[in-house]
């Protein structure tokens, strides 16, 4: 069994997520888990625009929840 470990554990992140219809799904500050990840549940069969901010750095990405899409996103990097 393998696992992942993120770099920023127990940190606060501003998370904003809109669905493909422009509806705001998440707009809150969230804390990363001991494994360094943020745990989110998003409804299936949509595309989302995700913006995450932390310590003056931002990452923006589109993600989707269709059949066969990744359920663990590890490619978003704060810049």
PDB file of N, CA and C in Angstrom:
ATOM      1  N   UNK A   1       0.838  -1.172   0.000  1.00  0.00           N
ATOM      2  CA  UNK A   1       0.000   0.000   0.000  1.00  0.00           C
ATOM      3  C   UNK A   1       0.891   1.245   0.000  1.00  0.00           C
ATOM      4  N   UNK A   2       0.509   2.227  -0.782  1.00  0.00           N
ATOM      5  CA  UNK A   2       1.282   3.465  -0.842  1.00  0.00           C
ATOM      6  C   UNK A   2       0.422   4.628  -0.381  1.00  0.00           C
ATOM      7  N   UNK A   3       1.055   5.736  -0.115  1.00  0.00           N
ATOM      8  CA  UNK A   3       0.339   6.935   0.300  1.00  0.00           C
ATOM      9  C   UNK A   3       1.076   8.156  -0.174  1.00  0.00           C
ATOM     10  N   UNK A   4       0.417   9.292  -0.056  1.00  0.00           N
ATOM     11  CA  UNK A   4       1.020  10.561  -0.446  1.00  0.00           C
ATOM     12  C   UNK A   4       1.145  11.445   0.779  1.00  0.00           C
ATOM     13  N   UNK A   5       2.135  12.305   0.763  1.00  0.00           N
ATOM     14  CA  UNK A   5       2.330  13.273   1.836  1.00  0.00           C
ATOM     15  C   UNK A   5       2.536  14.633   1.211  1.00  0.00           C
ATOM     16  N   UNK A   6       1.634  15.575   1.509  1.00  0.00           N
ATOM     17  CA  UNK A   6       1.766  16.942   1.033  1.00  0.00           C
ATOM     18  C   UNK A   6       2.747  17.710   1.899  1.00  0.00           C
ATOM     19  N   UNK A   7       3.208  18.838   1.399  1.00  0.00           N
ATOM     20  CA  UNK A   7       4.232  19.623   2.096  1.00  0.00           C
ATOM     21  C   UNK A   7       3.675  20.525   3.196  1.00  0.00           C
ATOM     22  N   UNK A   8       2.445  20.997   3.058  1.00  0.00           N
ATOM     23  CA  UNK A   8       1.901  21.995   3.976  1.00  0.00           C
ATOM     24  C   UNK A   8       0.812  21.363   4.852  1.00  0.00           C
ATOM     25  N   UNK A   9       1.183  20.905   6.022  1.00  0.00           N
ATOM     26  CA  UNK A   9       0.232  20.267   6.928  1.00  0.00           C
ATOM     27  C   UNK A   9      -0.288  21.279   7.942  1.00  0.00           C
ATOM     28  N   UNK A  10      -1.573  21.173   8.262  1.00  0.00           N
ATOM     29  CA  UNK A  10      -2.174  22.040   9.259  1.00  0.00           C
ATOM     30  C   UNK A  10      -2.170  23.516   8.905  1.00  0.00           C
ATOM     31  N   UNK A  11      -2.144  23.836   7.624  1.00  0.00           N
ATOM     32  CA  UNK A  11      -2.111  25.224   7.156  1.00  0.00           C
ATOM     33  C   UNK A  11      -3.505  25.660   6.691  1.00  0.00           C
ATOM     34  N   UNK A  12      -3.758  26.963   6.740  1.00  0.00           N
ATOM     35  CA  UNK A  12      -5.021  27.535   6.304  1.00  0.00           C
ATOM     36  C   UNK A  12      -4.950  27.921   4.823  1.00  0.00           C
ATOM     37  N   UNK A  13      -5.977  27.552   4.067  1.00  0.00           N
ATOM     38  CA  UNK A  13      -6.064  27.854   2.644  1.00  0.00           C
ATOM     39  C   UNK A  13      -7.431  28.473   2.353  1.00  0.00           C
ATOM     40  N   UNK A  14      -7.445  29.518   1.530  1.00  0.00           N
ATOM     41  CA  UNK A  14      -8.701  30.069   1.040  1.00  0.00           C
ATOM     42  C   UNK A  14      -9.073  29.294  -0.216  1.00  0.00           C
ATOM     43  N   UNK A  15     -10.227  28.641  -0.181  1.00  0.00           N
ATOM     44  CA  UNK A  15     -10.652  27.753  -1.269  1.00  0.00           C
ATOM     45  C   UNK A  15     -11.936  28.310  -1.883  1.00  0.00           C
ATOM     46  N   UNK A  16     -11.912  28.495  -3.210  1.00  0.00           N
ATOM     47  CA  UNK A  16     -13.067  28.973  -3.953  1.00  0.00           C
ATOM     48  C   UNK A  16     -13.300  28.021  -5.122  1.00  0.00           C
ATOM     49  N   UNK A  17     -14.525  27.499  -5.223  1.00  0.00           N
ATOM     50  CA  UNK A  17     -14.854  26.562  -6.298  1.00  0.00           C
ATOM     51  C   UNK A  17     -16.197  26.944  -6.900  1.00  0.00           C
ATOM     52  N   UNK A  18     -16.222  27.061  -8.236  1.00  0.00           N
ATOM     53  CA  UNK A  18     -17.451  27.302  -9.005  1.00  0.00           C
ATOM     54  C   UNK A  18     -17.695  26.120  -9.918  1.00  0.00           C
ATOM     55  N   UNK A  19     -18.976  25.768 -10.100  1.00  0.00           N
ATOM     56  CA  UNK A  19     -19.282  24.711 -11.062  1.00  0.00           C
ATOM     57  C   UNK A  19     -19.377  25.283 -12.468  1.00  0.00           C
ATOM     58  N   UNK A  20     -19.644  24.413 -13.427  1.00  0.00           N
ATOM     59  CA  UNK A  20     -19.672  24.816 -14.828  1.00  0.00           C
ATOM     60  C   UNK A  20     -20.857  25.733 -15.171  1.00  0.00           C
ATOM     61  N   UNK A  21     -21.784  25.920 -14.225  1.00  0.00           N
ATOM     62  CA  UNK A  21     -22.908  26.836 -14.423  1.00  0.00           C
ATOM     63  C   UNK A  21     -22.706  28.161 -13.685  1.00  0.00           C
ATOM     64  N   UNK A  22     -21.535  28.352 -13.081  1.00  0.00           N
ATOM     65  CA  UNK A  22     -21.247  29.586 -12.358  1.00  0.00           C
ATOM     66  C   UNK A  22     -21.726  29.600 -10.920  1.00  0.00           C
ATOM     67  N   UNK A  23     -22.229  28.467 -10.420  1.00  0.00           N
ATOM     68  CA  UNK A  23     -22.680  28.374  -9.035  1.00  0.00           C
ATOM     69  C   UNK A  23     -21.481  28.206  -8.104  1.00  0.00           C
ATOM     70  N   UNK A  24     -21.457  28.978  -7.025  1.00  0.00           N
ATOM     71  CA  UNK A  24     -20.380  28.854  -6.042  1.00  0.00           C
ATOM     72  C   UNK A  24     -20.648  27.618  -5.191  1.00  0.00           C
ATOM     73  N   UNK A  25     -19.701  26.691  -5.197  1.00  0.00           N
ATOM     74  CA  UNK A  25     -19.825  25.448  -4.446  1.00  0.00           C
ATOM     75  C   UNK A  25     -19.102  25.563  -3.106  1.00  0.00           C
ATOM     76  N   UNK A  26     -17.919  26.174  -3.114  1.00  0.00           N
ATOM     77  CA  UNK A  26     -17.128  26.365  -1.894  1.00  0.00           C
ATOM     78  C   UNK A  26     -16.537  27.770  -1.936  1.00  0.00           C
ATOM     79  N   UNK A  27     -16.617  28.472  -0.826  1.00  0.00           N
ATOM     80  CA  UNK A  27     -15.964  29.775  -0.657  1.00  0.00           C
ATOM     81  C   UNK A  27     -15.658  29.903   0.829  1.00  0.00           C
ATOM     82  N   UNK A  28     -14.563  29.272   1.256  1.00  0.00           N
ATOM     83  CA  UNK A  28     -14.248  29.242   2.679  1.00  0.00           C
ATOM     84  C   UNK A  28     -12.761  28.997   2.910  1.00  0.00           C
ATOM     85  N   UNK A  29     -12.358  29.242   4.126  1.00  0.00           N
ATOM     86  CA  UNK A  29     -11.002  28.915   4.554  1.00  0.00           C
ATOM     87  C   UNK A  29     -11.013  27.494   5.092  1.00  0.00           C
ATOM     88  N   UNK A  30     -10.069  26.693   4.616  1.00  0.00           N
ATOM     89  CA  UNK A  30      -9.993  25.287   5.023  1.00  0.00           C
ATOM     90  C   UNK A  30      -8.591  24.989   5.525  1.00  0.00           C
ATOM     91  N   UNK A  31      -8.480  24.026   6.417  1.00  0.00           N
ATOM     92  CA  UNK A  31      -7.180  23.622   6.949  1.00  0.00           C
ATOM     93  C   UNK A  31      -6.754  22.298   6.331  1.00  0.00           C
ATOM     94  N   UNK A  32      -5.495  22.240   5.917  1.00  0.00           N
ATOM     95  CA  UNK A  32      -4.994  20.988   5.354  1.00  0.00           C
ATOM     96  C   UNK A  32      -4.871  19.935   6.451  1.00  0.00           C
ATOM     97  N   UNK A  33      -5.051  18.705   6.066  1.00  0.00           N
ATOM     98  CA  UNK A  33      -5.013  17.565   6.980  1.00  0.00           C
ATOM     99  C   UNK A  33      -3.570  17.208   7.349  1.00  0.00           C
ATOM    100  N   UNK A  34      -3.375  16.314   8.303  1.00  0.00           N
ATOM    101  CA  UNK A  34      -2.015  15.898   8.661  1.00  0.00           C
ATOM    102  C   UNK A  34      -1.204  15.328   7.485  1.00  0.00           C
ATOM    103  N   UNK A  35      -1.903  14.849   6.435  1.00  0.00           N
ATOM    104  CA  UNK A  35      -1.189  14.353   5.250  1.00  0.00           C
ATOM    105  C   UNK A  35      -0.882  15.470   4.254  1.00  0.00           C
ATOM    106  N   UNK A  36      -1.263  16.734   4.597  1.00  0.00           N
ATOM    107  CA  UNK A  36      -0.971  17.873   3.744  1.00  0.00           C
ATOM    108  C   UNK A  36      -1.992  18.147   2.656  1.00  0.00           C
ATOM    109  N   UNK A  37      -3.063  17.390   2.605  1.00  0.00           N
ATOM    110  CA  UNK A  37      -4.079  17.562   1.571  1.00  0.00           C
ATOM    111  C   UNK A  37      -5.329  18.199   2.150  1.00  0.00           C
ATOM    112  N   UNK A  38      -6.158  18.755   1.281  1.00  0.00           N
ATOM    113  CA  UNK A  38      -7.463  19.285   1.652  1.00  0.00           C
ATOM    114  C   UNK A  38      -8.494  18.283   1.166  1.00  0.00           C
ATOM    115  N   UNK A  39      -9.405  17.886   2.042  1.00  0.00           N
ATOM    116  CA  UNK A  39     -10.427  16.900   1.706  1.00  0.00           C
ATOM    117  C   UNK A  39     -11.684  17.606   1.225  1.00  0.00           C
ATOM    118  N   UNK A  40     -12.062  17.369  -0.025  1.00  0.00           N
ATOM    119  CA  UNK A  40     -13.252  17.978  -0.612  1.00  0.00           C
ATOM    120  C   UNK A  40     -14.145  16.905  -1.208  1.00  0.00           C
ATOM    121  N   UNK A  41     -15.438  17.120  -1.134  1.00  0.00           N
ATOM    122  CA  UNK A  41     -16.381  16.291  -1.864  1.00  0.00           C
ATOM    123  C   UNK A  41     -17.102  17.198  -2.835  1.00  0.00           C
ATOM    124  N   UNK A  42     -17.096  16.838  -4.112  1.00  0.00           N
ATOM    125  CA  UNK A  42     -17.781  17.614  -5.140  1.00  0.00           C
ATOM    126  C   UNK A  42     -18.762  16.703  -5.871  1.00  0.00           C
ATOM    127  N   UNK A  43     -19.944  17.224  -6.217  1.00  0.00           N
ATOM    128  CA  UNK A  43     -20.921  16.413  -6.943  1.00  0.00           C
ATOM    129  C   UNK A  43     -20.356  15.888  -8.269  1.00  0.00           C
ATOM    130  N   UNK A  44     -20.820  14.703  -8.633  1.00  0.00           N
ATOM    131  CA  UNK A  44     -20.359  14.039  -9.862  1.00  0.00           C
ATOM    132  C   UNK A  44     -20.875  14.746 -11.114  1.00  0.00           C
ATOM    133  N   UNK A  45     -20.168  14.449 -12.189  1.00  0.00           N
ATOM    134  CA  UNK A  45     -20.576  14.837 -13.540  1.00  0.00           C
ATOM    135  C   UNK A  45     -20.615  16.350 -13.781  1.00  0.00           C
ATOM    136  N   UNK A  46     -19.610  17.036 -13.239  1.00  0.00           N
ATOM    137  CA  UNK A  46     -19.473  18.474 -13.461  1.00  0.00           C
ATOM    138  C   UNK A  46     -18.000  18.824 -13.669  1.00  0.00           C
ATOM    139  N   UNK A  47     -17.785  19.998 -14.235  1.00  0.00           N
ATOM    140  CA  UNK A  47     -16.455  20.588 -14.312  1.00  0.00           C
ATOM    141  C   UNK A  47     -16.450  21.778 -13.371  1.00  0.00           C
ATOM    142  N   UNK A  48     -15.339  21.957 -12.646  1.00  0.00           N
ATOM    143  CA  UNK A  48     -15.240  23.009 -11.646  1.00  0.00           C
ATOM    144  C   UNK A  48     -14.000  23.861 -11.882  1.00  0.00           C
ATOM    145  N   UNK A  49     -14.129  25.149 -11.600  1.00  0.00           N
ATOM    146  CA  UNK A  49     -12.963  26.023 -11.560  1.00  0.00           C
ATOM    147  C   UNK A  49     -12.586  26.158 -10.090  1.00  0.00           C
ATOM    148  N   UNK A  50     -11.341  25.822  -9.774  1.00  0.00           N
ATOM    149  CA  UNK A  50     -10.853  25.823  -8.402  1.00  0.00           C
ATOM    150  C   UNK A  50      -9.763  26.886  -8.265  1.00  0.00           C
ATOM    151  N   UNK A  51      -9.884  27.715  -7.241  1.00  0.00           N
ATOM    152  CA  UNK A  51      -8.854  28.708  -6.914  1.00  0.00           C
ATOM    153  C   UNK A  51      -8.492  28.496  -5.447  1.00  0.00           C
ATOM    154  N   UNK A  52      -7.211  28.280  -5.187  1.00  0.00           N
ATOM    155  CA  UNK A  52      -6.724  28.090  -3.821  1.00  0.00           C
ATOM    156  C   UNK A  52      -5.626  29.111  -3.568  1.00  0.00           C
ATOM    157  N   UNK A  53      -5.729  29.808  -2.432  1.00  0.00           N
ATOM    158  CA  UNK A  53      -4.741  30.826  -2.058  1.00  0.00           C
ATOM    159  C   UNK A  53      -4.170  30.500  -0.692  1.00  0.00           C
ATOM    160  N   UNK A  54      -2.874  30.752  -0.547  1.00  0.00           N
ATOM    161  CA  UNK A  54      -2.184  30.537   0.728  1.00  0.00           C
ATOM    162  C   UNK A  54      -0.921  31.386   0.761  1.00  0.00           C
ATOM    163  N   UNK A  55      -0.799  32.183   1.804  1.00  0.00           N
ATOM    164  CA  UNK A  55       0.440  32.941   2.044  1.00  0.00           C
ATOM    165  C   UNK A  55       0.878  33.757   0.824  1.00  0.00           C
ATOM    166  N   UNK A  56      -0.100  34.410   0.164  1.00  0.00           N
ATOM    167  CA  UNK A  56       0.219  35.260  -0.984  1.00  0.00           C
ATOM    168  C   UNK A  56       0.421  34.524  -2.293  1.00  0.00           C
ATOM    169  N   UNK A  57       0.257  33.209  -2.300  1.00  0.00           N
ATOM    170  CA  UNK A  57       0.411  32.418  -3.524  1.00  0.00           C
ATOM    171  C   UNK A  57      -0.943  31.838  -3.916  1.00  0.00           C
ATOM    172  N   UNK A  58      -1.119  31.638  -5.230  1.00  0.00           N
ATOM    173  CA  UNK A  58      -2.402  31.183  -5.760  1.00  0.00           C
ATOM    174  C   UNK A  58      -2.199  30.074  -6.777  1.00  0.00           C
ATOM    175  N   UNK A  59      -3.172  29.184  -6.845  1.00  0.00           N
ATOM    176  CA  UNK A  59      -3.228  28.206  -7.921  1.00  0.00           C
ATOM    177  C   UNK A  59      -4.663  28.159  -8.435  1.00  0.00           C
ATOM    178  N   UNK A  60      -4.805  28.090  -9.750  1.00  0.00           N
ATOM    179  CA  UNK A  60      -6.113  27.965 -10.392  1.00  0.00           C
ATOM    180  C   UNK A  60      -6.076  26.748 -11.300  1.00  0.00           C
ATOM    181  N   UNK A  61      -7.167  25.992 -11.280  1.00  0.00           N
ATOM    182  CA  UNK A  61      -7.216  24.797 -12.114  1.00  0.00           C
ATOM    183  C   UNK A  61      -8.666  24.409 -12.364  1.00  0.00           C
ATOM    184  N   UNK A  62      -8.917  23.809 -13.512  1.00  0.00           N
ATOM    185  CA  UNK A  62     -10.208  23.187 -13.771  1.00  0.00           C
ATOM    186  C   UNK A  62     -10.081  21.714 -13.427  1.00  0.00           C
ATOM    187  N   UNK A  63     -11.064  21.202 -12.700  1.00  0.00           N
ATOM    188  CA  UNK A  63     -11.112  19.772 -12.417  1.00  0.00           C
ATOM    189  C   UNK A  63     -12.518  19.287 -12.734  1.00  0.00           C
ATOM    190  N   UNK A  64     -12.653  17.988 -12.950  1.00  0.00           N
ATOM    191  CA  UNK A  64     -13.967  17.439 -13.260  1.00  0.00           C
ATOM    192  C   UNK A  64     -14.196  16.150 -12.475  1.00  0.00           C
ATOM    193  N   UNK A  65     -15.477  15.799 -12.385  1.00  0.00           N
ATOM    194  CA  UNK A  65     -15.870  14.646 -11.577  1.00  0.00           C
ATOM    195  C   UNK A  65     -16.668  13.630 -12.388  1.00  0.00           C
ATOM    196  N   UNK A  66     -16.292  13.472 -13.645  1.00  0.00           N
ATOM    197  CA  UNK A  66     -16.967  12.503 -14.492  1.00  0.00           C
ATOM    198  C   UNK A  66     -16.375  11.111 -14.275  1.00  0.00           C
ATOM    199  N   UNK A  67     -17.098  10.099 -14.688  1.00  0.00           N
ATOM    200  CA  UNK A  67     -16.626   8.718 -14.598  1.00  0.00           C
ATOM    201  C   UNK A  67     -15.225   8.619 -15.207  1.00  0.00           C
ATOM    202  N   UNK A  68     -14.302   8.031 -14.478  1.00  0.00           N
ATOM    203  CA  UNK A  68     -12.931   7.859 -14.955  1.00  0.00           C
ATOM    204  C   UNK A  68     -11.992   9.000 -14.596  1.00  0.00           C
ATOM    205  N   UNK A  69     -12.513  10.123 -14.067  1.00  0.00           N
ATOM    206  CA  UNK A  69     -11.648  11.236 -13.647  1.00  0.00           C
ATOM    207  C   UNK A  69     -10.903  10.878 -12.365  1.00  0.00           C
ATOM    208  N   UNK A  70      -9.747  11.492 -12.184  1.00  0.00           N
ATOM    209  CA  UNK A  70      -8.973  11.279 -10.963  1.00  0.00           C
ATOM    210  C   UNK A  70      -9.749  11.751  -9.744  1.00  0.00           C
ATOM    211  N   UNK A  71      -9.618  11.027  -8.651  1.00  0.00           N
ATOM    212  CA  UNK A  71     -10.267  11.428  -7.394  1.00  0.00           C
ATOM    213  C   UNK A  71      -9.271  12.041  -6.418  1.00  0.00           C
ATOM    214  N   UNK A  72      -8.006  11.990  -6.749  1.00  0.00           N
ATOM    215  CA  UNK A  72      -6.970  12.601  -5.939  1.00  0.00           C
ATOM    216  C   UNK A  72      -6.139  13.501  -6.856  1.00  0.00           C
ATOM    217  N   UNK A  73      -6.223  14.801  -6.632  1.00  0.00           N
ATOM    218  CA  UNK A  73      -5.520  15.768  -7.483  1.00  0.00           C
ATOM    219  C   UNK A  73      -4.231  16.182  -6.773  1.00  0.00           C
ATOM    220  N   UNK A  74      -3.111  15.883  -7.388  1.00  0.00           N
ATOM    221  CA  UNK A  74      -1.809  16.194  -6.770  1.00  0.00           C
ATOM    222  C   UNK A  74      -0.963  17.133  -7.622  1.00  0.00           C
ATOM    223  N   UNK A  75      -1.559  17.710  -8.654  1.00  0.00           N
ATOM    224  CA  UNK A  75      -0.788  18.504  -9.611  1.00  0.00           C
ATOM    225  C   UNK A  75      -0.933  20.008  -9.403  1.00  0.00           C
ATOM    226  N   UNK A  76      -1.773  20.439  -8.477  1.00  0.00           N
ATOM    227  CA  UNK A  76      -1.977  21.866  -8.252  1.00  0.00           C
ATOM    228  C   UNK A  76      -0.841  22.399  -7.378  1.00  0.00           C
ATOM    229  N   UNK A  77      -0.118  23.390  -7.881  1.00  0.00           N
ATOM    230  CA  UNK A  77       1.045  23.928  -7.191  1.00  0.00           C
ATOM    231  C   UNK A  77       0.885  25.435  -6.995  1.00  0.00           C
ATOM    232  N   UNK A  78       1.022  25.880  -5.756  1.00  0.00           N
ATOM    233  CA  UNK A  78       0.932  27.309  -5.448  1.00  0.00           C
ATOM    234  C   UNK A  78       2.099  28.047  -6.068  1.00  0.00           C
ATOM    235  N   UNK A  79       1.817  29.172  -6.720  1.00  0.00           N
ATOM    236  CA  UNK A  79       2.870  29.994  -7.330  1.00  0.00           C
ATOM    237  C   UNK A  79       2.756  31.409  -6.822  1.00  0.00           C
TER     238      UNK A  79
END
